[in-house]
Amino acid sequence: MPNLSDTPRLYEPLNEYKPFGPNIGIVDGPPEYLTIAGVRLPMPFTTRMTIVQLANGDLFVHSPIVFNAELARQLSSIGNVRHLVSPNQFHYAHIGEWSRAFPNAITWASPHARERALARGIEVQFKRHLSAQVPEEWRNEIYQTAIPGGFFGEIVFFHKESRTLVFTDTIVNFELDKLSQPWRFATRMTGMYFPHGQIFFGMRLPLLLQKQKSKAVVERILSWHPERIIISHGGCFESNADAVLRRLFGWLL
């Protein structure tokens, strides 16, 4: 068990839907620890999922957090939990829990999520594959593209009605006062902290190695004219999304 001093200050209230824009909201969850190659990294991180209510009443649930029965009831009062979406090969672990509570939901696997779940012994049955191509189910309401971040690559979404981008791990914006030492010092050294944030350090070299492809993706995202950005770890950007993106990805353009 982690020491209490290691636990981040959270984005309370937890397990509660919080509107972020028209027909889009977030739910902040409890902290978790990333495990790579069987080794649990000692730094805890906060968790967040995004919910989009589609025009037909279905809910698009991005990066589901650990299942919570009261939260499930709350979401059911908003719409039909229909799409459980893994945006990258790290944010999939709780899809199985949600799919057992909502057996008619479609479970979407990002590239390599199936293999990673199998390797880690996590019980989840994916029904559909997710790629840069927008599926029919949300084509008129959500755009998407793939960030070529190598091992950390992810699918990025854009909710047209609210003009909101939904990233996962590409951008990190930790709030230093929510971190304990030595993580506060380490985060400051990386530049991945509030209010400016930064591209996750594990993605910078892959983006550079695929510079032309990365540039095309960033240009496409900018062409959507986003106004706000949701991220999974740290403070979101509630305005000036274009300026944020040009600051972070300008070196590619």
Protein backbone atom coordinates (compact mmCIF):
# COMPACT_ATOMS: atom_id res chain seq x y z
CA MET A 1 0.00 0.00 0.00
CA PRO A 2 1.31 3.50 -0.81
CA ASN A 3 2.10 5.91 1.97
CA LEU A 4 -0.51 8.62 2.44
CA SER A 5 2.18 11.17 1.63
CA ASP A 6 2.55 9.54 -1.80
CA THR A 7 -1.13 9.95 -2.66
CA PRO A 8 -1.96 12.88 -4.92
CA ARG A 9 -4.49 15.49 -3.96
CA LEU A 10 -7.47 14.63 -6.10
CA TYR A 11 -9.91 16.42 -8.38
CA GLU A 12 -12.83 16.09 -6.04
CA PRO A 13 -15.68 15.35 -6.06
CA LEU A 14 -14.77 11.94 -7.41
CA ASN A 15 -17.06 9.62 -9.37
CA GLU A 16 -19.38 12.48 -10.21
CA TYR A 17 -20.31 13.78 -13.66
CA LYS A 18 -19.12 17.37 -14.20
CA PRO A 19 -20.32 19.27 -17.30
CA PHE A 20 -17.48 20.60 -19.47
CA GLY A 21 -19.50 21.93 -22.39
CA PRO A 22 -22.68 21.20 -24.35
CA ASN A 23 -23.33 17.43 -24.14
CA ILE A 24 -19.85 16.67 -22.84
CA GLY A 25 -18.56 16.16 -19.31
CA ILE A 26 -15.80 14.58 -17.26
CA VAL A 27 -15.60 12.28 -14.26
CA ASP A 28 -12.52 12.32 -12.05
CA GLY A 29 -11.60 9.05 -10.38
CA PRO A 30 -9.27 7.68 -7.71
CA PRO A 31 -5.49 7.54 -8.21
CA GLU A 32 -3.80 4.61 -9.90
CA TYR A 33 -0.27 3.40 -10.61
CA LEU A 34 1.16 2.63 -14.04
CA THR A 35 2.70 -0.82 -14.50
CA ILE A 36 5.25 -1.37 -17.27
CA ALA A 37 6.84 -4.77 -17.93
CA GLY A 38 5.39 -6.06 -14.66
CA VAL A 39 6.92 -3.25 -12.60
CA ARG A 40 4.61 -0.80 -10.83
CA LEU A 41 5.96 2.71 -11.06
CA PRO A 42 5.94 4.43 -7.65
CA MET A 43 4.33 7.69 -8.79
CA PRO A 44 0.54 7.76 -8.43
CA PHE A 45 -1.47 9.61 -11.05
CA THR A 46 -5.01 10.93 -11.15
CA THR A 47 -7.60 9.39 -13.47
CA ARG A 48 -10.31 11.00 -15.59
CA MET A 49 -12.87 9.81 -18.11
CA THR A 50 -14.85 11.83 -20.63
CA ILE A 51 -18.50 11.32 -21.54
CA VAL A 52 -20.16 12.61 -24.71
CA GLN A 53 -23.93 12.41 -25.10
CA LEU A 54 -24.66 11.66 -28.74
CA ALA A 55 -27.76 12.97 -30.49
CA ASN A 56 -29.48 9.58 -30.32
CA GLY A 57 -29.05 9.44 -26.53
CA ASP A 58 -26.10 7.03 -26.55
CA LEU A 59 -23.11 7.81 -24.35
CA PHE A 60 -19.55 7.74 -25.69
CA VAL A 61 -17.39 6.89 -22.66
CA HIS A 62 -13.71 7.68 -23.19
CA SER A 63 -11.08 6.01 -20.96
CA PRO A 64 -13.41 4.52 -18.32
CA ILE A 65 -12.17 4.85 -14.74
CA VAL A 66 -12.62 2.11 -12.13
CA PHE A 67 -16.26 1.01 -12.06
CA ASN A 68 -18.51 2.65 -9.49
CA ALA A 69 -22.15 1.57 -9.16
CA GLU A 70 -23.49 4.99 -8.14
CA LEU A 71 -21.65 6.62 -11.03
CA ALA A 72 -23.12 4.01 -13.39
CA ARG A 73 -26.62 4.93 -12.20
CA GLN A 74 -25.85 8.61 -12.66
CA LEU A 75 -24.67 8.07 -16.24
CA SER A 76 -27.71 5.92 -17.00
CA SER A 77 -29.89 8.87 -16.05
CA ILE A 78 -28.07 10.95 -18.67
CA GLY A 79 -28.18 8.46 -21.54
CA ASN A 80 -27.53 4.93 -22.73
CA VAL A 81 -23.99 3.75 -21.93
CA ARG A 82 -23.19 2.46 -25.40
CA HIS A 83 -19.54 3.03 -26.36
CA LEU A 84 -16.69 2.10 -23.99
CA VAL A 85 -13.58 3.50 -25.66
CA SER A 86 -9.92 2.67 -25.11
CA PRO A 87 -7.94 5.59 -26.63
CA ASN A 88 -4.52 3.96 -26.19
CA GLN A 89 -2.98 0.76 -24.91
CA PHE A 90 -2.85 2.02 -21.31
CA HIS A 91 -6.38 3.33 -20.81
CA TYR A 92 -8.41 0.14 -21.18
CA ALA A 93 -8.11 -1.66 -17.85
CA HIS A 94 -11.61 -0.88 -16.53
CA ILE A 95 -13.57 -1.43 -19.74
CA GLY A 96 -14.26 -5.03 -18.72
CA GLU A 97 -15.85 -3.89 -15.45
CA TRP A 98 -18.14 -1.44 -17.25
CA SER A 99 -19.05 -3.90 -19.99
CA ARG A 100 -20.19 -6.46 -17.42
CA ALA A 101 -22.51 -3.83 -15.95
CA PHE A 102 -23.63 -2.75 -19.44
CA PRO A 103 -23.50 -5.94 -21.57
CA ASN A 104 -25.05 -4.22 -24.60
CA ALA A 105 -22.28 -1.63 -24.76
CA ILE A 106 -19.74 -1.79 -27.58
CA THR A 107 -16.17 -2.13 -26.33
CA TRP A 108 -13.62 -0.39 -28.58
CA ALA A 109 -9.97 -1.49 -28.62
CA SER A 110 -7.26 0.97 -29.56
CA PRO A 111 -4.18 -0.48 -31.31
CA HIS A 112 -2.36 -3.02 -29.10
CA ALA A 113 -4.94 -2.81 -26.28
CA ARG A 114 -6.05 -6.41 -26.87
CA GLU A 115 -2.48 -7.71 -26.70
CA ARG A 116 -1.66 -5.70 -23.58
CA ALA A 117 -4.81 -6.86 -21.79
CA LEU A 118 -4.01 -10.49 -22.63
CA ALA A 119 -0.40 -10.12 -21.47
CA ARG A 120 -1.51 -8.61 -18.16
CA GLY A 121 -4.33 -11.06 -17.57
CA ILE A 122 -7.01 -8.37 -17.55
CA GLU A 123 -10.45 -9.72 -18.39
CA VAL A 124 -11.98 -7.66 -21.19
CA GLN A 125 -13.70 -8.69 -24.39
CA PHE A 126 -13.31 -6.08 -27.10
CA LYS A 127 -16.01 -6.08 -29.79
CA ARG A 128 -14.64 -3.48 -32.21
CA HIS A 129 -11.29 -2.10 -33.32
CA LEU A 130 -10.52 1.62 -33.10
CA SER A 131 -8.34 3.46 -35.61
CA ALA A 132 -7.89 6.90 -37.13
CA GLN A 133 -10.99 6.25 -39.24
CA VAL A 134 -14.19 7.58 -37.68
CA PRO A 135 -16.83 4.85 -37.23
CA GLU A 136 -20.40 5.34 -38.39
CA GLU A 137 -21.68 5.37 -34.80
CA TRP A 138 -20.39 8.90 -34.08
CA ARG A 139 -19.23 10.15 -37.48
CA ASN A 140 -21.52 13.20 -37.51
CA GLU A 141 -20.61 14.35 -34.02
CA ILE A 142 -17.02 13.36 -33.22
CA TYR A 143 -13.89 13.53 -35.37
CA GLN A 144 -10.80 11.49 -34.59
CA THR A 145 -7.21 10.97 -35.67
CA ALA A 146 -4.16 9.05 -34.49
CA ILE A 147 -1.16 10.70 -32.84
CA PRO A 148 1.97 8.74 -33.93
CA GLY A 149 3.59 8.57 -30.51
CA GLY A 150 5.19 5.14 -30.87
CA PHE A 151 4.56 2.98 -27.79
CA PHE A 152 2.47 5.83 -26.34
CA GLY A 153 0.52 6.66 -29.51
CA GLU A 154 -3.18 7.37 -29.06
CA ILE A 155 -6.44 8.22 -30.78
CA VAL A 156 -7.45 11.87 -30.31
CA PHE A 157 -11.11 12.90 -30.50
CA PHE A 158 -12.88 16.17 -31.26
CA HIS A 159 -16.45 16.80 -30.14
CA LYS A 160 -17.82 19.19 -32.71
CA GLU A 161 -20.74 20.65 -30.77
CA SER A 162 -18.63 21.79 -27.81
CA ARG A 163 -15.44 22.29 -29.90
CA THR A 164 -13.57 20.15 -27.38
CA LEU A 165 -10.48 18.04 -28.04
CA VAL A 166 -10.13 14.89 -25.95
CA PHE A 167 -6.52 13.82 -25.44
CA THR A 168 -5.32 11.07 -23.14
CA ASP A 169 -1.58 11.04 -22.42
CA THR A 170 -0.15 13.19 -25.24
CA ILE A 171 -0.40 16.35 -23.13
CA VAL A 172 0.36 16.31 -19.40
CA ASN A 173 -0.45 19.27 -17.17
CA PHE A 174 0.18 18.16 -13.58
CA GLU A 175 -0.66 20.66 -10.87
CA LEU A 176 2.39 20.82 -8.62
CA ASP A 177 0.43 21.47 -5.44
CA LYS A 178 -1.29 18.11 -5.96
CA LEU A 179 2.05 16.23 -5.97
CA SER A 180 4.28 15.18 -3.10
CA GLN A 181 8.07 15.14 -3.21
CA PRO A 182 10.13 13.93 -5.01
CA TRP A 183 7.50 13.85 -7.77
CA ARG A 184 6.86 17.58 -7.55
CA PHE A 185 10.53 18.32 -8.25
CA ALA A 186 10.75 15.70 -11.03
CA THR A 187 7.63 17.05 -12.72
CA ARG A 188 8.95 20.60 -12.58
CA MET A 189 12.11 19.45 -14.35
CA THR A 190 10.09 17.92 -17.21
CA GLY A 191 8.00 21.06 -17.77
CA MET A 192 4.81 18.99 -17.72
CA TYR A 193 3.02 21.11 -15.16
CA PHE A 194 0.15 23.56 -14.78
CA PRO A 195 -0.76 26.03 -16.16
CA HIS A 196 1.18 25.47 -19.38
CA GLY A 197 1.66 21.69 -19.55
CA GLN A 198 3.87 19.90 -22.05
CA ILE A 199 3.93 16.96 -24.45
CA PHE A 200 4.53 13.75 -22.51
CA PHE A 201 8.28 13.13 -22.63
CA GLY A 202 7.83 9.53 -23.85
CA MET A 203 6.17 10.80 -27.04
CA ARG A 204 8.56 13.54 -28.05
CA LEU A 205 11.15 11.38 -29.83
CA PRO A 206 8.54 9.25 -31.70
CA LEU A 207 6.85 12.44 -32.89
CA LEU A 208 10.18 13.78 -34.10
CA LEU A 209 11.12 10.52 -35.86
CA GLN A 210 7.81 10.66 -37.73
CA LYS A 211 7.87 14.41 -38.20
CA GLN A 212 5.99 14.64 -41.51
CA LYS A 213 3.21 12.34 -40.33
CA SER A 214 3.07 14.14 -36.98
CA LYS A 215 2.88 17.51 -38.71
CA ALA A 216 -0.04 16.37 -40.86
CA VAL A 217 -1.92 15.14 -37.79
CA VAL A 218 -1.36 18.38 -35.89
CA GLU A 219 -2.45 20.44 -38.91
CA ARG A 220 -5.60 18.36 -39.14
CA ILE A 221 -6.38 18.90 -35.46
CA LEU A 222 -5.85 22.65 -35.83
CA SER A 223 -8.20 22.69 -38.84
CA TRP A 224 -11.01 21.62 -36.50
CA HIS A 225 -10.65 24.97 -34.66
CA PRO A 226 -10.91 23.58 -31.12
CA GLU A 227 -11.70 25.88 -28.23
CA ARG A 228 -10.96 23.66 -25.21
CA ILE A 229 -8.93 20.55 -24.36
CA ILE A 230 -9.65 17.69 -21.98
CA ILE A 231 -6.66 15.62 -20.85
CA SER A 232 -6.45 12.60 -18.56
CA HIS A 233 -3.71 13.78 -16.20
CA GLY A 234 -3.66 17.26 -14.73
CA GLY A 235 -5.60 20.43 -15.35
CA CYS A 236 -7.66 20.72 -18.52
CA PHE A 237 -7.52 23.72 -20.84
CA GLU A 238 -10.92 25.42 -20.82
CA SER A 239 -10.09 28.08 -23.41
CA ASN A 240 -7.49 29.15 -26.03
CA ALA A 241 -6.99 25.62 -27.34
CA ASP A 242 -5.49 26.85 -30.61
CA ALA A 243 -2.79 28.82 -28.78
CA VAL A 244 -2.04 25.87 -26.49
CA LEU A 245 -1.61 23.50 -29.44
CA ARG A 246 0.59 25.90 -31.38
CA ARG A 247 2.81 26.40 -28.33
CA LEU A 248 3.16 22.66 -27.71
CA PHE A 249 3.42 21.43 -31.31
CA GLY A 250 4.88 24.51 -33.02
CA TRP A 251 8.22 22.77 -33.48
CA LEU A 252 6.48 20.30 -35.83
CA LEU A 253 4.87 23.03 -37.93
